[in-house]
Structures are given as C-alpha cells and as structure tokens.
Protein backbone atom coordinates (compact mmCIF):
# COMPACT_ATOMS: atom_id res chain seq x y z
CA MET A 1 0.00 0.00 0.00
CA ARG A 2 1.35 3.43 -0.91
CA LEU A 3 0.99 4.84 2.62
CA SER A 4 2.94 2.05 4.33
CA ARG A 5 5.83 4.38 5.09
CA ASN A 6 3.58 6.25 7.56
CA VAL A 7 2.18 3.17 9.29
CA ARG A 8 3.39 2.24 12.76
CA ARG A 9 5.85 -0.63 12.96
CA PHE A 10 5.06 -2.62 16.05
CA SER A 11 7.77 -3.89 18.38
CA GLN A 12 8.54 -7.60 18.73
CA PRO A 13 5.32 -9.43 19.69
CA LEU A 14 5.09 -11.10 23.08
CA SER A 15 3.47 -14.42 23.92
CA ILE A 16 -0.27 -14.38 24.52
CA VAL A 17 0.29 -15.29 28.18
CA THR A 18 2.71 -12.41 28.70
CA CYS A 19 0.30 -10.03 26.94
CA THR A 20 -2.53 -11.14 29.20
CA ASP A 21 -0.43 -10.63 32.33
CA LYS A 22 0.60 -7.13 31.23
CA LEU A 23 -2.99 -6.23 30.39
CA VAL A 24 -4.16 -7.35 33.83
CA ALA A 25 -1.31 -5.53 35.58
CA ASN A 26 -1.99 -2.33 33.63
CA ASP A 27 1.74 -2.05 33.03
CA PRO A 28 2.22 1.63 32.04
CA SER A 29 4.99 0.68 29.60
CA PHE A 30 2.67 -1.74 27.77
CA VAL A 31 1.05 0.46 25.12
CA GLU A 32 1.40 -1.81 22.05
CA LEU A 33 -0.52 -5.07 21.77
CA SER A 34 0.79 -7.03 18.78
CA LEU A 35 -0.90 -10.41 18.30
CA GLU A 36 1.01 -12.72 15.94
CA ARG A 37 0.28 -16.29 17.11
CA LEU A 38 -2.33 -17.80 19.37
CA GLY A 39 0.00 -20.11 21.29
CA ASP A 40 -0.81 -23.17 23.40
CA ASP A 41 -2.08 -21.52 26.58
CA PHE A 42 -4.67 -19.12 25.23
CA ASP A 43 -7.59 -18.43 27.58
CA LEU A 44 -10.09 -16.34 25.65
CA VAL A 45 -12.30 -15.52 28.65
CA HIS A 46 -9.32 -14.34 30.72
CA PHE A 47 -7.86 -12.39 27.80
CA VAL A 48 -11.14 -10.60 27.04
CA ALA A 49 -11.58 -9.70 30.71
CA ALA A 50 -8.02 -8.32 30.72
CA LEU A 51 -8.77 -6.20 27.65
CA ARG A 52 -11.87 -4.71 29.20
CA SER A 53 -10.06 -3.72 32.39
CA ASN A 54 -6.95 -2.29 30.74
CA VAL A 55 -6.15 1.45 30.69
CA THR A 56 -2.69 1.49 29.08
CA VAL A 57 -2.85 -0.04 25.59
CA LYS A 58 -3.11 2.51 22.78
CA HIS A 59 -2.08 0.51 19.69
CA VAL A 60 -3.36 -2.94 18.66
CA CYS A 61 -2.30 -5.07 15.70
CA PHE A 62 -3.85 -8.38 14.61
CA SER A 63 -1.87 -10.51 12.17
CA GLY A 64 -3.64 -12.74 9.68
CA THR A 65 -1.98 -15.78 11.24
CA PHE A 66 -3.42 -14.96 14.66
CA VAL A 67 -6.94 -14.38 13.31
CA ARG A 68 -6.92 -17.60 11.26
CA GLU A 69 -6.10 -19.59 14.39
CA LEU A 70 -9.29 -18.32 16.03
CA GLN A 71 -12.72 -19.78 15.44
CA ASP A 72 -15.20 -17.34 13.90
CA GLU A 73 -17.03 -16.64 17.13
CA GLN A 74 -13.75 -16.20 19.00
CA TRP A 75 -12.61 -13.64 16.44
CA ARG A 76 -15.90 -11.78 16.69
CA LEU A 77 -15.65 -11.65 20.48
CA MET A 78 -12.01 -10.57 20.29
CA LEU A 79 -12.73 -7.73 17.87
CA GLN A 80 -15.72 -6.62 19.88
CA SER A 81 -13.64 -6.57 23.07
CA ILE A 82 -10.91 -4.44 21.53
CA GLY A 83 -13.45 -1.64 21.39
CA GLN A 84 -13.63 -1.79 25.20
CA LEU A 85 -10.01 -0.66 25.55
CA GLN A 86 -10.32 2.69 27.26
CA THR A 87 -7.21 4.24 25.69
CA LEU A 88 -7.27 2.68 22.20
CA GLU A 89 -5.92 5.05 19.54
CA GLU A 90 -4.88 2.77 16.68
CA LEU A 91 -6.16 -0.53 15.27
CA GLN A 92 -4.36 -2.53 12.58
CA ILE A 93 -5.70 -5.76 11.06
CA TRP A 94 -3.77 -7.71 8.42
CA CYS A 95 -4.86 -10.45 6.01
CA SER A 96 -8.17 -11.30 7.67
CA THR A 97 -11.91 -11.31 7.16
CA ILE A 98 -13.56 -8.58 9.21
CA PRO A 99 -17.21 -9.00 10.27
CA THR A 100 -18.69 -5.61 9.50
CA ALA A 101 -21.40 -5.74 12.17
CA VAL A 102 -18.84 -6.41 14.91
CA PHE A 103 -16.46 -3.76 13.63
CA ALA A 104 -19.31 -1.21 13.67
CA GLU A 105 -19.81 -2.04 17.34
CA THR A 106 -16.07 -1.70 17.96
CA ILE A 107 -16.11 1.76 16.38
CA ARG A 108 -19.09 2.84 18.48
CA HIS A 109 -17.41 1.84 21.73
CA ALA A 110 -13.83 2.93 20.96
CA GLN A 111 -14.39 6.66 21.36
CA THR A 112 -10.64 7.39 21.67
CA LEU A 113 -9.81 5.59 18.39
CA GLN A 114 -7.96 7.79 15.89
CA LYS A 115 -6.38 5.46 13.31
CA VAL A 116 -7.75 2.41 11.49
CA TYR A 117 -5.43 0.51 9.15
CA PHE A 118 -6.67 -2.61 7.33
CA PHE A 119 -4.47 -4.42 4.80
CA ARG A 120 -5.53 -7.28 2.48
CA VAL A 121 -8.88 -7.83 4.16
CA GLY A 122 -12.34 -9.06 3.32
CA LEU A 123 -15.17 -6.91 4.64
CA ASP A 124 -18.01 -9.31 5.39
CA GLY A 125 -21.59 -8.29 6.00
CA SER A 126 -25.04 -7.49 4.71
CA GLN A 127 -26.10 -4.12 3.33
CA ALA A 128 -27.73 -3.25 6.65
CA GLU A 129 -24.49 -4.03 8.48
CA PHE A 130 -22.44 -1.84 6.14
CA ASP A 131 -24.96 0.95 6.66
CA ALA A 132 -24.61 0.51 10.43
CA LEU A 133 -20.84 0.81 10.04
CA ALA A 134 -21.38 4.02 8.09
CA ALA A 135 -23.44 5.47 10.92
CA ALA A 136 -20.76 4.58 13.47
CA ILE A 137 -18.02 6.21 11.39
CA GLN A 138 -20.01 9.35 10.70
CA ARG A 139 -20.67 9.94 14.40
CA HIS A 140 -17.19 9.12 15.65
CA PRO A 141 -15.65 12.16 17.35
CA ARG A 142 -11.92 11.37 17.00
CA LEU A 143 -11.24 9.31 13.87
CA ARG A 144 -8.64 11.09 11.77
CA ASP A 145 -6.91 8.41 9.66
CA VAL A 146 -8.67 5.50 7.90
CA ARG A 147 -6.79 3.29 5.42
CA ILE A 148 -8.32 0.17 3.92
CA GLY A 149 -5.88 -1.34 1.45
CA GLY A 150 -6.31 -4.38 -0.74
CA PHE A 151 -9.90 -5.03 0.34
CA HIS A 152 -12.83 -6.88 -1.16
CA ILE A 153 -16.44 -7.28 -0.07
CA THR A 154 -17.92 -10.61 0.95
CA ASN A 155 -21.27 -11.75 2.29
CA ASP A 156 -20.20 -15.20 3.43
CA HIS A 157 -21.76 -15.03 6.89
CA GLU A 158 -25.21 -14.17 5.51
CA GLN A 159 -25.00 -16.80 2.80
CA ASN A 160 -23.93 -19.48 5.26
CA ALA A 161 -26.85 -18.57 7.49
CA ASN A 162 -29.35 -18.93 4.67
CA ARG A 163 -28.04 -20.67 1.59
CA GLN A 164 -31.42 -20.41 -0.15
CA GLN A 165 -30.99 -16.64 -0.61
CA PRO A 166 -29.02 -15.25 -3.56
CA PRO A 167 -25.93 -13.19 -2.69
CA GLU A 168 -26.69 -9.56 -1.91
CA ASP A 169 -25.13 -6.78 -4.00
CA ILE A 170 -23.43 -4.62 -1.40
CA ARG A 171 -23.08 -0.87 -1.94
CA LEU A 172 -20.50 1.25 -0.12
CA ASP A 173 -22.11 4.63 -0.76
CA GLY A 174 -23.08 5.04 2.87
CA VAL A 175 -19.60 4.19 4.14
CA VAL A 176 -17.90 6.59 1.70
CA GLN A 177 -20.32 9.38 2.56
CA ALA A 178 -19.67 8.74 6.25
CA LEU A 179 -15.93 9.08 5.67
CA ALA A 180 -16.63 12.41 3.96
CA GLN A 181 -18.75 13.62 6.87
CA ALA A 182 -16.78 12.32 9.88
CA PRO A 183 -15.98 15.46 11.88
CA GLY A 184 -12.23 15.04 12.29
CA LEU A 185 -11.11 12.74 9.48
CA GLU A 186 -7.95 13.93 7.69
CA VAL A 187 -6.60 10.88 5.82
CA VAL A 188 -8.67 8.45 3.75
CA SER A 189 -7.14 5.65 1.70
CA LEU A 190 -9.20 3.04 -0.17
CA GLN A 191 -7.74 0.37 -2.44
CA LEU A 192 -9.37 -2.76 -3.84
CA SER A 193 -7.74 -6.16 -3.99
CA SER A 194 -7.48 -8.10 -7.24
CA ALA A 195 -10.57 -10.06 -6.17
CA GLN A 196 -12.78 -7.08 -6.95
CA GLN A 197 -12.53 -4.94 -10.07
CA ARG A 198 -14.71 -1.93 -9.33
CA VAL A 199 -15.73 -0.21 -6.11
CA PRO A 200 -19.53 -0.27 -5.65
CA VAL A 201 -19.91 3.46 -5.04
CA GLY A 202 -21.97 6.04 -6.91
CA ASN A 203 -21.06 9.54 -8.03
CA ASP A 204 -22.78 11.32 -5.15
CA ALA A 205 -20.64 9.55 -2.54
CA VAL A 206 -17.44 10.47 -4.40
CA ARG A 207 -18.70 14.04 -4.74
CA GLN A 208 -19.13 14.18 -0.96
CA LEU A 209 -15.52 13.06 -0.48
CA MET A 210 -14.36 15.89 -2.71
CA LYS A 211 -16.45 18.36 -0.69
CA SER A 212 -15.00 17.34 2.68
CA LYS A 213 -13.76 20.26 4.77
CA THR A 214 -11.41 18.09 6.85
CA ILE A 215 -9.80 15.51 4.52
CA THR A 216 -6.31 16.61 3.49
CA ASP A 217 -4.95 13.33 2.10
CA LEU A 218 -7.18 11.29 -0.22
CA TYR A 219 -5.91 8.05 -1.77
CA LEU A 220 -8.34 6.36 -4.17
CA SER A 221 -6.06 3.87 -5.85
CA ARG A 222 -7.00 0.75 -7.82
CA LEU A 223 -10.73 1.31 -7.32
CA GLY A 224 -11.80 0.86 -10.95
CA LEU A 225 -13.17 4.40 -10.98
CA GLY A 226 -15.42 5.06 -13.94
CA GLU A 227 -15.87 8.00 -16.28
CA ASP A 228 -18.49 9.67 -14.09
CA HIS A 229 -16.38 9.21 -10.95
CA LEU A 230 -13.39 10.89 -12.58
CA THR A 231 -15.54 13.76 -13.84
CA VAL A 232 -16.84 14.36 -10.32
CA ILE A 233 -13.29 14.24 -8.93
CA SER A 234 -11.93 16.77 -11.43
CA GLN A 235 -14.86 19.09 -10.76
CA GLY A 236 -14.32 18.80 -7.02
CA LEU A 237 -10.58 19.32 -7.36
CA ALA A 238 -11.15 22.72 -8.98
CA VAL A 239 -12.92 24.11 -5.90
CA ASN A 240 -11.61 22.05 -2.96
CA GLU A 241 -9.61 24.21 -0.53
CA THR A 242 -8.62 21.48 1.92
CA LEU A 243 -6.93 18.69 -0.04
CA ARG A 244 -3.16 18.47 0.11
CA VAL A 245 -2.74 15.05 -1.56
CA LEU A 246 -4.92 13.36 -4.18
CA ASP A 247 -3.75 9.95 -5.42
CA LEU A 248 -5.61 8.15 -8.23
CA PHE A 249 -2.89 5.62 -9.00
CA GLY A 250 -4.02 2.36 -10.55
CA ASN A 251 -7.25 3.65 -12.10
CA ASN A 252 -7.93 3.72 -15.83
CA ILE A 253 -6.87 7.27 -16.64
CA GLU A 254 -7.01 8.52 -20.24
CA ASN A 255 -5.65 11.73 -21.74
CA HIS A 256 -8.91 13.63 -21.45
CA HIS A 257 -8.92 12.82 -17.72
CA VAL A 258 -5.37 14.15 -17.40
CA ILE A 259 -6.38 17.38 -19.13
CA ALA A 260 -9.44 17.78 -16.88
CA MET A 261 -7.35 17.18 -13.74
CA ALA A 262 -4.66 19.59 -14.91
CA ASN A 263 -7.24 22.28 -15.64
CA ALA A 264 -8.70 21.77 -12.17
CA LEU A 265 -5.24 21.87 -10.58
CA ALA A 266 -4.63 25.24 -12.22
CA LEU A 267 -7.51 26.61 -10.14
CA ASN A 268 -6.53 24.88 -6.90
CA ASN A 269 -4.31 26.56 -4.30
CA SER A 270 -4.13 23.78 -1.71
CA VAL A 271 -3.07 20.57 -3.49
CA GLU A 272 0.64 19.81 -3.23
CA ILE A 273 0.67 16.27 -4.64
CA LEU A 274 -1.51 14.91 -7.46
CA VAL A 275 -0.77 11.33 -8.55
CA LEU A 276 -2.17 10.06 -11.85
CA PRO A 277 -1.14 6.93 -13.75
CA CYS A 278 0.14 7.45 -17.27
CA PRO A 279 -2.53 6.76 -19.92
CA ALA A 280 -2.16 3.45 -21.75
CA ASP A 281 -1.40 5.28 -25.01
CA ASP A 282 1.09 7.62 -23.29
CA LEU A 283 0.66 11.32 -22.61
CA SER A 284 -0.66 13.36 -25.51
CA VAL A 285 0.70 16.75 -26.53
CA ALA A 286 -2.49 18.32 -25.20
CA SER A 287 -2.04 16.60 -21.82
CA CYS A 288 1.54 17.83 -21.55
CA ALA A 289 0.45 21.35 -22.41
CA ALA A 290 -2.33 21.27 -19.80
CA ILE A 291 0.07 20.01 -17.14
CA SER A 292 2.62 22.69 -18.03
CA GLU A 293 -0.02 25.40 -17.80
CA ALA A 294 -1.29 24.10 -14.48
CA LEU A 295 2.21 24.12 -13.01
CA LYS A 296 2.70 27.71 -14.09
CA LYS A 297 -0.49 28.79 -12.34
CA ASN A 298 -0.10 26.59 -9.29
CA GLN A 299 3.31 27.30 -7.79
CA LYS A 300 2.93 24.69 -5.06
C-alpha cells in the first residue's frame, strides 16, 4: 500500500500469556498489543476480561496468522472486546476477514480511536451491516486516519446462514459518505484487492468526499473508478480548498482525464501532490500542455 511508510511498525510481539499478564497488571509501559500467534495456553475468557479492564494499551495489531487460528465466534468476540479498551488510539488488522457488524460495534465503543489501518482484508456483511458501520463512522468524534488497502467485499456469513438466498449486492455509498462527513477525518485511503474490479460506489458519494472540509490526504487507488467518478473528482478538485494530496494511481486514466485534472489543478491553491497513472497510449501533446499550464499557475 502506498501509505505504508507512515504506518506504525510494532515492536517484537510477546506471547499471549505475557500479553494477558501485562494487560491485567496495567503495566504503564505496555502500550502496544501485537498479536502474531495464538500459542498453546490461550484463555479467551481471561484475555477478554483483561482487555476490558486495561487502561494502558493505545495501539493494537492483529496478524492474519493470529486471526486464522481463532474460530469465527472467537474472532468476533475478540474484535468486539478491543473496542472496550479505554485508551485505544490505533487498530491494525492484516490479512483477515472482518465482520462488519462487529467492527461497527467496535467503532461505536472505541471513542478514543484515531487510526484504522486494514491491509488485504475481506469486509463481510449485509447491506444493513455496512450501513450501520457508516453510521458509526459518521458519528465518531476522533477518527482522523482511515486506510483500507487491498480489500474486497464478501457476504459469506449471511449466505452461510441462509443458503437459499441469492448473494446480496453490497453498496458502499453510505460508508464513503460517512468518511466524507466524519468530523475530524484527515486521511482516507481506499484500495481494492485483485478479487474485486470496481468499487460499488456512486457519483454522489465520491462528490461528498471531494467536498470534505477536513480531509487533506485522499488516496483512491485501484478502485476501478469510472468516467463519471473521474468527472466528479476533477470538478471537485477545482474548488476544494482542503486537499493536500490526491492519489488516483491504478485507475484507468485517459488523456482527457489528465487534461481535466490539470485544468482543475490550475484553479486549486491547496493541493501539493496529485498522482495520476500514465494513460495506456502515453501522454498526448495536449495533456503535456495542460500540465505545463497548471504548473505555471499553481506554484505549489
């Protein structure tokens, strides 16, 4: 993911028994909980109780290996309990399937949470559960950095519960609009995995992102953005006074998109970094001219 250079690197993980003991003791030096392997002596009930009583841990990281060693219900309880940490500021989850309904509950409870980093994850849930997640994000008072990289949408839990029902087409419009409206959000990064070709989001949700008064860094890479999405983005870029970084790497950008973005950049006084992939047929003379003109007008 392109933002990995800004993501916390956790210290060497401790055994699950040692982690539990430090949680119970409220060791003031124990602020990072990095969970890599389950181990042989894991007591879920004791560990969850330790989480809920702890007042020191600020940063939590779940590895994919750790999550895969848990049963589904154990993972759901674990994720739910993380939201009970009274000082939680950062949550990282790697290479896992995240139950959307439980994560929405985690967000609602973790009122000190500021950073959410997901990498190579499946977001599993029904449309109603994604909408509930949107509501939790929109109302959260302290979220400022949300990065979901290499994700795809699943509805495995719902299908397993009732295999007679056809799979539901999930839309992320509500979640994207919530990111745009969250009161303190500054960094948003969304990137699809190869398992999904196009983000299920309409133009209005993207327009709301471009209207945000708080987002300074917006990374919309490898989302399969369509013609209408890119039109909305270029229109928003022309008038947005908050954005510092706009990254559209990995989308299907053609020369007329480059020209539209360059024309918008010429009117923008806040953007410092604009990342566009090179068109498949290379930059045209007109694109180069538009970029040159934009750089003359925008000295940043």
